[in-house]
N, C-alpha and C. Protein backbone atom coordinates (compact mmCIF):
# COMPACT_ATOMS: atom_id res chain seq x y z
N MET A 1 5.60 -12.57 3.46
CA MET A 1 5.91 -11.50 2.98
C MET A 1 6.75 -11.78 1.38
N ALA A 2 6.80 -11.25 0.32
CA ALA A 2 8.07 -11.47 -0.52
C ALA A 2 9.14 -11.77 -0.27
N ALA A 3 10.00 -12.29 -0.74
CA ALA A 3 11.45 -12.58 -0.40
C ALA A 3 12.16 -11.66 -1.20
N ALA A 4 13.23 -10.75 -0.50
CA ALA A 4 13.89 -9.85 -0.76
C ALA A 4 14.51 -9.91 -2.24
N ASN A 5 15.09 -11.02 -2.72
CA ASN A 5 15.40 -11.22 -4.04
C ASN A 5 14.23 -11.72 -5.15
N ALA A 6 12.80 -11.58 -5.28
CA ALA A 6 12.21 -11.85 -5.62
C ALA A 6 11.78 -10.59 -6.58
N SER A 7 11.90 -10.90 -8.05
CA SER A 7 11.21 -9.99 -9.08
C SER A 7 10.07 -9.03 -8.46
N ALA A 8 10.51 -7.34 -8.79
CA ALA A 8 9.50 -6.83 -8.90
C ALA A 8 7.83 -6.93 -8.66
N ARG A 9 7.48 -7.72 -10.09
CA ARG A 9 6.33 -8.13 -10.30
C ARG A 9 6.49 -9.27 -8.93
N GLY A 10 6.69 -10.40 -8.75
CA GLY A 10 6.79 -11.05 -7.88
C GLY A 10 6.69 -10.41 -6.47
N GLN A 11 7.45 -9.80 -6.01
CA GLN A 11 7.29 -8.98 -4.98
C GLN A 11 5.32 -8.29 -4.75
N ARG A 12 5.50 -7.60 -6.01
CA ARG A 12 4.33 -7.00 -6.26
C ARG A 12 3.00 -7.99 -6.02
N THR A 13 3.05 -9.28 -6.51
CA THR A 13 2.34 -10.08 -6.48
C THR A 13 1.75 -10.62 -4.61
N ALA A 14 2.92 -11.08 -4.38
CA ALA A 14 3.04 -11.52 -3.29
C ALA A 14 2.50 -10.49 -2.13
N ILE A 15 3.15 -9.21 -2.48
CA ILE A 15 2.12 -7.95 -1.68
C ILE A 15 0.81 -8.57 -1.73
N LEU A 16 0.04 -8.07 -2.85
CA LEU A 16 -1.09 -7.63 -2.94
C LEU A 16 -1.96 -8.97 -2.66
N SER A 17 -1.16 -10.01 -2.55
CA SER A 17 -2.32 -11.18 -2.05
C SER A 17 -2.03 -12.02 -0.63
N SER A 18 -1.58 -10.95 0.37
CA SER A 18 -0.85 -11.02 1.62
C SER A 18 -2.26 -10.76 2.44
N PRO A 19 -2.49 -11.34 3.49
CA PRO A 19 -3.39 -10.62 4.51
C PRO A 19 -2.68 -9.66 5.26
N LEU A 20 -3.65 -8.65 5.26
CA LEU A 20 -3.16 -7.50 6.23
C LEU A 20 -2.53 -7.78 7.27
N ARG A 21 -3.34 -8.88 8.11
CA ARG A 21 -2.37 -9.19 9.27
C ARG A 21 -0.92 -9.31 9.52
N GLU A 22 -0.50 -9.77 8.07
CA GLU A 22 0.61 -10.51 8.09
C GLU A 22 1.67 -9.24 7.66
N LEU A 23 1.34 -7.84 7.29
CA LEU A 23 2.09 -6.94 7.54
C LEU A 23 2.23 -5.62 8.02
N THR A 24 1.19 -6.44 9.26
CA THR A 24 1.33 -5.09 10.23
C THR A 24 2.97 -4.21 10.58
N GLY A 25 2.95 -3.14 10.93
CA GLY A 25 3.90 -2.52 10.90
C GLY A 25 4.37 -1.62 9.99
N PHE A 26 4.31 -1.93 8.67
CA PHE A 26 4.21 -1.47 7.63
C PHE A 26 3.09 -0.58 7.41
N CYS A 27 3.19 0.28 6.23
CA CYS A 27 2.33 1.66 6.13
C CYS A 27 1.49 1.27 4.73
N LEU A 28 0.76 1.72 3.94
CA LEU A 28 0.15 1.89 2.69
C LEU A 28 0.06 3.19 2.31
N ALA A 29 0.76 3.94 1.32
CA ALA A 29 0.45 5.39 0.70
C ALA A 29 -0.58 4.84 -0.63
N VAL A 30 -1.47 5.49 -0.71
CA VAL A 30 -2.28 5.67 -1.54
C VAL A 30 -2.72 6.81 -2.35
N ASP A 31 -3.09 6.80 -3.58
CA ASP A 31 -3.32 8.19 -4.11
C ASP A 31 -4.39 8.12 -5.59
N CYS A 32 -5.60 8.62 -5.98
CA CYS A 32 -6.30 8.73 -6.76
C CYS A 32 -5.86 9.15 -8.01
N LEU A 33 -4.71 10.19 -7.78
CA LEU A 33 -4.05 10.49 -9.01
C LEU A 33 -4.74 11.87 -9.85
N THR A 34 -5.95 12.05 -9.35
CA THR A 34 -7.10 13.03 -10.13
C THR A 34 -6.57 14.45 -9.40
N PRO A 35 -5.90 14.99 -10.82
CA PRO A 35 -5.69 16.78 -10.71
C PRO A 35 -6.57 17.30 -9.64
N GLY A 36 -5.81 17.90 -9.08
CA GLY A 36 -6.76 18.98 -8.06
C GLY A 36 -6.95 18.51 -6.46
N CYS A 37 -7.05 17.08 -6.41
CA CYS A 37 -7.41 16.42 -5.54
C CYS A 37 -6.20 16.60 -3.87
N ARG A 38 -6.97 15.80 -3.37
CA ARG A 38 -5.35 16.10 -1.86
C ARG A 38 -4.45 15.65 -1.92
N GLY A 39 -4.45 14.65 -2.90
CA GLY A 39 -3.12 13.70 -3.32
C GLY A 39 -2.75 12.56 -2.18
N GLU A 40 -1.56 12.07 -1.99
CA GLU A 40 -1.38 11.02 -1.61
C GLU A 40 -1.90 10.97 -0.18
N ARG A 41 -2.50 9.78 0.30
CA ARG A 41 -2.71 9.36 1.64
C ARG A 41 -1.82 7.93 2.43
N VAL A 42 -1.50 8.22 3.80
CA VAL A 42 -0.53 7.17 4.47
C VAL A 42 -1.42 6.50 5.08
N TYR A 43 -1.82 5.55 5.44
CA TYR A 43 -2.05 4.46 6.30
C TYR A 43 -1.63 3.38 6.74
N SER A 44 -1.76 3.33 7.80
CA SER A 44 -0.79 2.08 9.19
C SER A 44 -1.70 0.84 8.50
N ILE A 45 -0.82 -0.08 8.19
CA ILE A 45 -1.66 -1.21 8.00
C ILE A 45 -2.58 -1.91 8.92
N THR A 46 -1.97 -1.82 10.30
CA THR A 46 -2.67 -2.21 11.53
C THR A 46 -3.79 -1.48 11.79
N ALA A 47 -3.99 -0.85 11.16
CA ALA A 47 -4.85 0.02 11.16
C ALA A 47 -6.07 0.02 10.05
N LEU A 48 -5.79 -0.38 8.92
CA LEU A 48 -6.53 -1.11 8.10
C LEU A 48 -7.04 -2.36 8.43
N ALA A 49 -5.80 -2.97 9.00
CA ALA A 49 -6.32 -4.42 9.17
C ALA A 49 -7.23 -4.47 10.55
N ALA A 50 -7.43 -3.48 11.27
CA ALA A 50 -8.49 -3.74 12.42
C ALA A 50 -9.87 -3.09 11.73
N CYS A 51 -9.74 -2.73 10.77
CA CYS A 51 -10.83 -1.90 9.95
C CYS A 51 -11.52 -3.14 9.38
N TYR A 52 -10.83 -3.64 8.81
CA TYR A 52 -11.14 -4.80 7.67
C TYR A 52 -11.17 -6.42 8.31
N ASP A 53 -11.88 -7.04 7.43
CA ASP A 53 -11.99 -8.57 7.90
C ASP A 53 -10.56 -9.06 7.94
N GLY A 54 -10.34 -10.08 9.02
CA GLY A 54 -9.25 -10.93 9.54
C GLY A 54 -8.41 -10.99 8.48
N LYS A 55 -9.23 -11.74 7.11
CA LYS A 55 -8.58 -12.34 6.06
C LYS A 55 -8.39 -11.40 4.67
N ALA A 56 -9.37 -10.12 4.53
CA ALA A 56 -8.79 -9.31 3.90
C ALA A 56 -7.29 -9.48 3.44
N THR A 57 -6.96 -9.15 2.23
CA THR A 57 -5.50 -8.96 1.48
C THR A 57 -5.66 -7.71 1.09
N VAL A 58 -4.53 -7.43 0.89
CA VAL A 58 -3.78 -5.73 0.93
C VAL A 58 -4.39 -5.49 -0.67
N GLY A 59 -4.66 -6.82 -1.94
CA GLY A 59 -5.48 -6.09 -2.93
C GLY A 59 -7.13 -5.63 -2.64
N ASP A 60 -7.78 -6.42 -1.62
CA ASP A 60 -9.04 -6.71 -1.70
C ASP A 60 -9.34 -5.15 -1.01
N VAL A 61 -8.42 -4.58 -0.40
CA VAL A 61 -8.55 -3.41 0.62
C VAL A 61 -8.56 -2.44 -0.58
N LEU A 62 -7.16 -2.51 -1.47
CA LEU A 62 -6.97 -1.59 -2.67
C LEU A 62 -8.30 -1.30 -3.37
N ARG A 63 -9.03 -2.52 -3.70
CA ARG A 63 -10.15 -2.49 -4.70
C ARG A 63 -11.24 -1.87 -4.03
N MET A 64 -11.16 -1.86 -2.36
CA MET A 64 -12.25 -1.37 -2.02
C MET A 64 -12.33 0.47 -1.62
N MET A 65 -11.06 0.37 -1.15
CA MET A 65 -10.94 2.29 -0.68
C MET A 65 -11.32 3.21 -2.18
N ARG A 66 -12.02 3.64 -1.71
CA ARG A 66 -12.33 5.07 -2.39
C ARG A 66 -11.41 6.53 -1.71
N CYS A 67 -11.20 7.32 -2.58
CA CYS A 67 -10.88 8.71 -2.17
C CYS A 67 -11.86 9.53 -1.39
N ALA A 68 -11.07 10.32 -0.15
CA ALA A 68 -11.99 10.91 0.46
C ALA A 68 -12.41 12.05 0.21
N GLY A 69 -11.56 12.89 -0.89
CA GLY A 69 -11.85 13.84 -1.45
C GLY A 69 -12.66 14.05 -2.49
N CYS A 70 -12.34 12.61 -3.50
CA CYS A 70 -13.52 13.23 -4.77
C CYS A 70 -14.24 11.56 -5.31
N GLY A 71 -13.56 10.62 -4.43
CA GLY A 71 -14.55 9.23 -4.67
C GLY A 71 -14.54 8.32 -5.08
N LYS A 72 -12.69 8.64 -6.33
CA LYS A 72 -12.18 7.90 -7.12
C LYS A 72 -11.90 6.95 -6.20
N PRO A 73 -12.45 5.75 -7.27
CA PRO A 73 -10.75 4.36 -6.49
C PRO A 73 -9.55 5.11 -6.49
N VAL A 74 -8.34 4.13 -5.46
CA VAL A 74 -7.05 3.75 -5.88
C VAL A 74 -6.36 3.66 -7.18
N ALA A 75 -5.52 4.73 -7.48
CA ALA A 75 -5.24 4.78 -8.82
C ALA A 75 -3.70 4.12 -9.00
N ALA A 76 -2.97 4.52 -7.26
CA ALA A 76 -1.82 4.48 -7.38
C ALA A 76 -1.64 4.00 -5.74
N ALA A 77 -0.34 2.99 -5.69
CA ALA A 77 -0.18 2.41 -4.47
C ALA A 77 1.11 2.03 -4.05
N TRP A 78 1.51 2.18 -2.99
CA TRP A 78 2.73 1.38 -2.32
C TRP A 78 2.64 1.16 -0.92
N LEU A 79 3.40 0.03 -0.98
CA LEU A 79 3.50 -0.61 0.59
C LEU A 79 4.84 0.27 0.92
N VAL A 80 4.89 0.88 1.76
CA VAL A 80 6.15 1.62 2.48
C VAL A 80 6.73 0.86 3.89
N THR A 81 8.26 0.47 3.42
CA THR A 81 8.43 -0.10 4.43
C THR A 81 9.65 0.96 5.03
N GLY A 82 9.92 0.12 6.34
CA GLY A 82 11.39 1.24 6.76
C GLY A 82 10.98 1.61 8.25
N PRO A 83 11.28 3.03 8.77
CA PRO A 83 12.27 3.53 9.95
C PRO A 83 10.89 3.90 10.62
N THR A 84 11.06 3.97 11.65
CA THR A 84 9.93 4.52 12.55
C THR A 84 10.44 6.23 12.40
N LEU A 85 9.70 6.66 13.10
CA LEU A 85 10.29 8.58 12.42
C LEU A 85 11.44 8.45 13.77
N ASN A 86 12.19 8.11 14.49
CA ASN A 86 13.45 8.57 14.48
C ASN A 86 14.47 7.89 13.92
N GLU A 87 14.00 6.82 13.17
CA GLU A 87 15.74 6.12 12.60
C GLU A 87 15.73 7.02 11.67
N ARG A 88 17.90 6.79 11.47
CA ARG A 88 18.03 8.00 10.03
C ARG A 88 18.10 6.69 8.80
N VAL A 89 17.33 5.53 9.03
CA VAL A 89 17.37 4.75 7.46
C VAL A 89 16.00 5.20 6.89
N ARG A 90 16.29 5.79 5.67
CA ARG A 90 15.67 5.99 4.82
C ARG A 90 14.38 4.82 4.39
N SER A 91 12.97 4.90 4.27
CA SER A 91 11.99 4.18 3.78
C SER A 91 12.35 3.84 2.41
N ARG A 92 11.56 2.28 2.40
CA ARG A 92 11.19 1.82 0.85
C ARG A 92 10.23 1.76 0.55
N ARG A 93 9.75 2.31 -0.52
CA ARG A 93 8.36 2.38 -1.40
C ARG A 93 8.67 1.28 -2.18
N VAL A 94 7.40 -0.01 -2.26
CA VAL A 94 7.33 -0.78 -3.23
C VAL A 94 5.94 -0.31 -3.84
N ALA A 95 6.27 -0.24 -5.42
CA ALA A 95 4.90 0.44 -6.13
C ALA A 95 3.81 -1.16 -6.15
N LEU A 96 2.62 -0.64 -6.17
CA LEU A 96 1.83 -2.13 -6.07
C LEU A 96 0.78 -1.57 -7.03
N LEU A 97 0.39 -0.10 -7.33
CA LEU A 97 -0.56 0.03 -8.52
C LEU A 97 -0.23 1.04 -9.29
N GLY A 98 -0.21 1.91 -10.59
CA GLY A 98 -0.35 2.86 -10.97
C GLY A 98 1.26 3.05 -11.58
N PRO A 99 1.53 4.30 -12.32
CA PRO A 99 2.55 4.37 -13.45
C PRO A 99 3.97 3.41 -12.96
N GLU A 100 4.42 3.24 -11.66
CA GLU A 100 5.47 3.19 -11.39
C GLU A 100 5.71 1.55 -11.17
N ALA A 101 4.11 1.03 -10.37
CA ALA A 101 4.42 -0.20 -10.74
C ALA A 101 4.31 -1.13 -12.04
N ARG A 102 3.73 -0.21 -13.43
CA ARG A 102 3.69 -0.97 -14.64
C ARG A 102 5.09 -0.88 -15.13
N GLY A 103 6.43 0.06 -14.70
CA GLY A 103 7.38 -0.32 -15.22
C GLY A 103 8.42 -0.85 -14.84
């Protein structure tokens, strides 16, 4: 995975090109950004890795994913790092796609 001191663009590039199997323990939050749709959904990367080829990268999966509500492609995505439910540490979100990733 990307080094902690890499630029935001460098982190994004490294994460998008990483095979899912290298990011188990993290989550992927996605949103189609369609008004009136059900909004953001969060998936365990471990579960996604079980569904896709072991060589599939985060970028590959985001290109293949479609919204369960409206069928549109992913318009915004974040790698969610951080705590298990019982920890008091705040999770960190790394913008991969969408308006936050362009900023």
